[in-house]
C-alpha atoms as a PDB file:
ATOM      1  CA  UNK A   1       9.552  95.905  19.682  1.00  0.00           C
ATOM      2  CA  UNK A   2       7.627  94.540  22.677  1.00  0.00           C
ATOM      3  CA  UNK A   3       8.470  94.694  26.663  1.00  0.00           C
ATOM      4  CA  UNK A   4       7.900  91.506  28.333  1.00  0.00           C
ATOM      5  CA  UNK A   5       8.301  92.224  32.260  1.00  0.00           C
ATOM      6  CA  UNK A   6       9.854  89.696  34.470  1.00  0.00           C
ATOM      7  CA  UNK A   7       9.109  88.530  37.825  1.00  0.00           C
ATOM      8  CA  UNK A   8       7.089  90.905  39.512  1.00  0.00           C
ATOM      9  CA  UNK A   9       7.454  93.657  37.371  1.00  0.00           C
ATOM     10  CA  UNK A  10       4.839  95.767  35.995  1.00  0.00           C
ATOM     11  CA  UNK A  11       5.066  98.067  32.550  1.00  0.00           C
ATOM     12  CA  UNK A  12       3.039 101.323  32.766  1.00  0.00           C
ATOM     13  CA  UNK A  13       2.073 103.939  30.354  1.00  0.00           C
ATOM     14  CA  UNK A  14       1.586 107.402  31.822  1.00  0.00           C
ATOM     15  CA  UNK A  15      -1.795 109.182  30.965  1.00  0.00           C
ATOM     16  CA  UNK A  16      -1.195 112.766  29.525  1.00  0.00           C
ATOM     17  CA  UNK A  17      -4.285 114.194  31.425  1.00  0.00           C
ATOM     18  CA  UNK A  18      -4.380 114.283  35.167  1.00  0.00           C
ATOM     19  CA  UNK A  19      -7.795 113.996  36.815  1.00  0.00           C
ATOM     20  CA  UNK A  20      -8.890 116.450  39.811  1.00  0.00           C
ATOM     21  CA  UNK A  21     -11.059 114.767  42.646  1.00  0.00           C
ATOM     22  CA  UNK A  22     -14.016 116.686  44.194  1.00  0.00           C
ATOM     23  CA  UNK A  23     -11.607 117.281  47.074  1.00  0.00           C
ATOM     24  CA  UNK A  24      -9.043 118.896  44.995  1.00  0.00           C
ATOM     25  CA  UNK A  25      -6.640 115.854  44.851  1.00  0.00           C
ATOM     26  CA  UNK A  26      -4.665 115.721  41.424  1.00  0.00           C
ATOM     27  CA  UNK A  27      -4.520 112.027  40.384  1.00  0.00           C
ATOM     28  CA  UNK A  28      -1.747 111.234  37.772  1.00  0.00           C
ATOM     29  CA  UNK A  29      -2.739 107.697  36.726  1.00  0.00           C
ATOM     30  CA  UNK A  30      -0.922 105.261  34.804  1.00  0.00           C
ATOM     31  CA  UNK A  31      -2.193 102.421  32.655  1.00  0.00           C
ATOM     32  CA  UNK A  32      -0.897  98.989  33.210  1.00  0.00           C
ATOM     33  CA  UNK A  33       0.272  97.728  29.657  1.00  0.00           C
ATOM     34  CA  UNK A  34       2.211  94.525  30.611  1.00  0.00           C
ATOM     35  CA  UNK A  35       2.275  92.417  33.940  1.00  0.00           C
ATOM     36  CA  UNK A  36       5.229  89.922  34.754  1.00  0.00           C
ATOM     37  CA  UNK A  37       4.323  86.308  35.816  1.00  0.00           C
ATOM     38  CA  UNK A  38       5.103  86.795  39.623  1.00  0.00           C
ATOM     39  CA  UNK A  39       6.572  83.780  41.153  1.00  0.00           C
ATOM     40  CA  UNK A  40       9.353  83.558  43.629  1.00  0.00           C
ATOM     41  CA  UNK A  41      11.090  87.052  44.155  1.00  0.00           C
ATOM     42  CA  UNK A  42      13.618  87.158  47.281  1.00  0.00           C
ATOM     43  CA  UNK A  43      12.559  84.022  48.670  1.00  0.00           C
ATOM     44  CA  UNK A  44       8.898  85.092  48.715  1.00  0.00           C
ATOM     45  CA  UNK A  45       5.793  83.987  46.609  1.00  0.00           C
ATOM     46  CA  UNK A  46       4.487  86.827  44.783  1.00  0.00           C
ATOM     47  CA  UNK A  47       0.848  86.805  43.095  1.00  0.00           C
ATOM     48  CA  UNK A  48       0.309  89.374  40.729  1.00  0.00           C
ATOM     49  CA  UNK A  49      -2.924  91.459  41.697  1.00  0.00           C
ATOM     50  CA  UNK A  50      -2.846  93.978  38.664  1.00  0.00           C
ATOM     51  CA  UNK A  51      -4.005  93.067  35.215  1.00  0.00           C
ATOM     52  CA  UNK A  52      -3.419  94.785  31.811  1.00  0.00           C
ATOM     53  CA  UNK A  53      -5.555  97.772  31.532  1.00  0.00           C
ATOM     54  CA  UNK A  54      -5.895  98.919  35.076  1.00  0.00           C
ATOM     55  CA  UNK A  55      -5.388 102.252  35.932  1.00  0.00           C
ATOM     56  CA  UNK A  56      -2.699 102.699  38.812  1.00  0.00           C
ATOM     57  CA  UNK A  57      -1.105 105.092  40.893  1.00  0.00           C
ATOM     58  CA  UNK A  58       2.642 104.927  41.976  1.00  0.00           C
ATOM     59  CA  UNK A  59       4.933 106.842  43.813  1.00  0.00           C
ATOM     60  CA  UNK A  60       6.362 109.975  42.148  1.00  0.00           C
ATOM     61  CA  UNK A  61       9.885 108.720  41.800  1.00  0.00           C
ATOM     62  CA  UNK A  62       9.390 104.817  41.297  1.00  0.00           C
ATOM     63  CA  UNK A  63      10.586 102.602  38.569  1.00  0.00           C
ATOM     64  CA  UNK A  64      12.679 103.151  35.579  1.00  0.00           C
ATOM     65  CA  UNK A  65      11.475 105.054  32.618  1.00  0.00           C
ATOM     66  CA  UNK A  66      12.289 103.747  29.010  1.00  0.00           C
ATOM     67  CA  UNK A  67      11.754 104.613  25.420  1.00  0.00           C
ATOM     68  CA  UNK A  68      10.490 102.131  23.038  1.00  0.00           C
ATOM     69  CA  UNK A  69       9.311 102.930  19.261  1.00  0.00           C
ATOM     70  CA  UNK A  70       8.811 106.608  20.540  1.00  0.00           C
ATOM     71  CA  UNK A  71       6.794 105.699  23.445  1.00  0.00           C
ATOM     72  CA  UNK A  72       7.501 106.225  27.146  1.00  0.00           C
ATOM     73  CA  UNK A  73       6.822 103.275  29.711  1.00  0.00           C
ATOM     74  CA  UNK A  74       7.819 103.089  33.197  1.00  0.00           C
ATOM     75  CA  UNK A  75       8.847  99.626  34.708  1.00  0.00           C
ATOM     76  CA  UNK A  76       8.049  99.056  38.222  1.00  0.00           C
ATOM     77  CA  UNK A  77       7.624  96.563  40.728  1.00  0.00           C
ATOM     78  CA  UNK A  78       4.328  95.588  41.937  1.00  0.00           C
ATOM     79  CA  UNK A  79       5.017  96.696  45.454  1.00  0.00           C
ATOM     80  CA  UNK A  80       5.526 100.394  43.948  1.00  0.00           C
ATOM     81  CA  UNK A  81       1.990 100.619  42.882  1.00  0.00           C
ATOM     82  CA  UNK A  82       0.137 102.663  45.678  1.00  0.00           C
ATOM     83  CA  UNK A  83      -3.501 102.044  44.628  1.00  0.00           C
ATOM     84  CA  UNK A  84      -5.880 101.004  41.770  1.00  0.00           C
ATOM     85  CA  UNK A  85      -8.042 103.614  40.467  1.00  0.00           C
ATOM     86  CA  UNK A  86     -11.647 102.414  40.092  1.00  0.00           C
END
């Protein structure tokens, strides 16, 4: 089964390992798996700025968790993404 996000939704897969920065911050990044098409959301035009393969940081309680074929994914709105890790 394959998930296809709608509107401004993004499907994320959580990395198992966390990264620790030089200053001691722990980054629990997720990888973008699929990106919705954007379009009109709540009367506003939304352009998608993330792409599949990007590593991102989202709020701790953001989105909805789903399990597909034994894998866990989160579905979040693009606006719930706090940062792209480069």
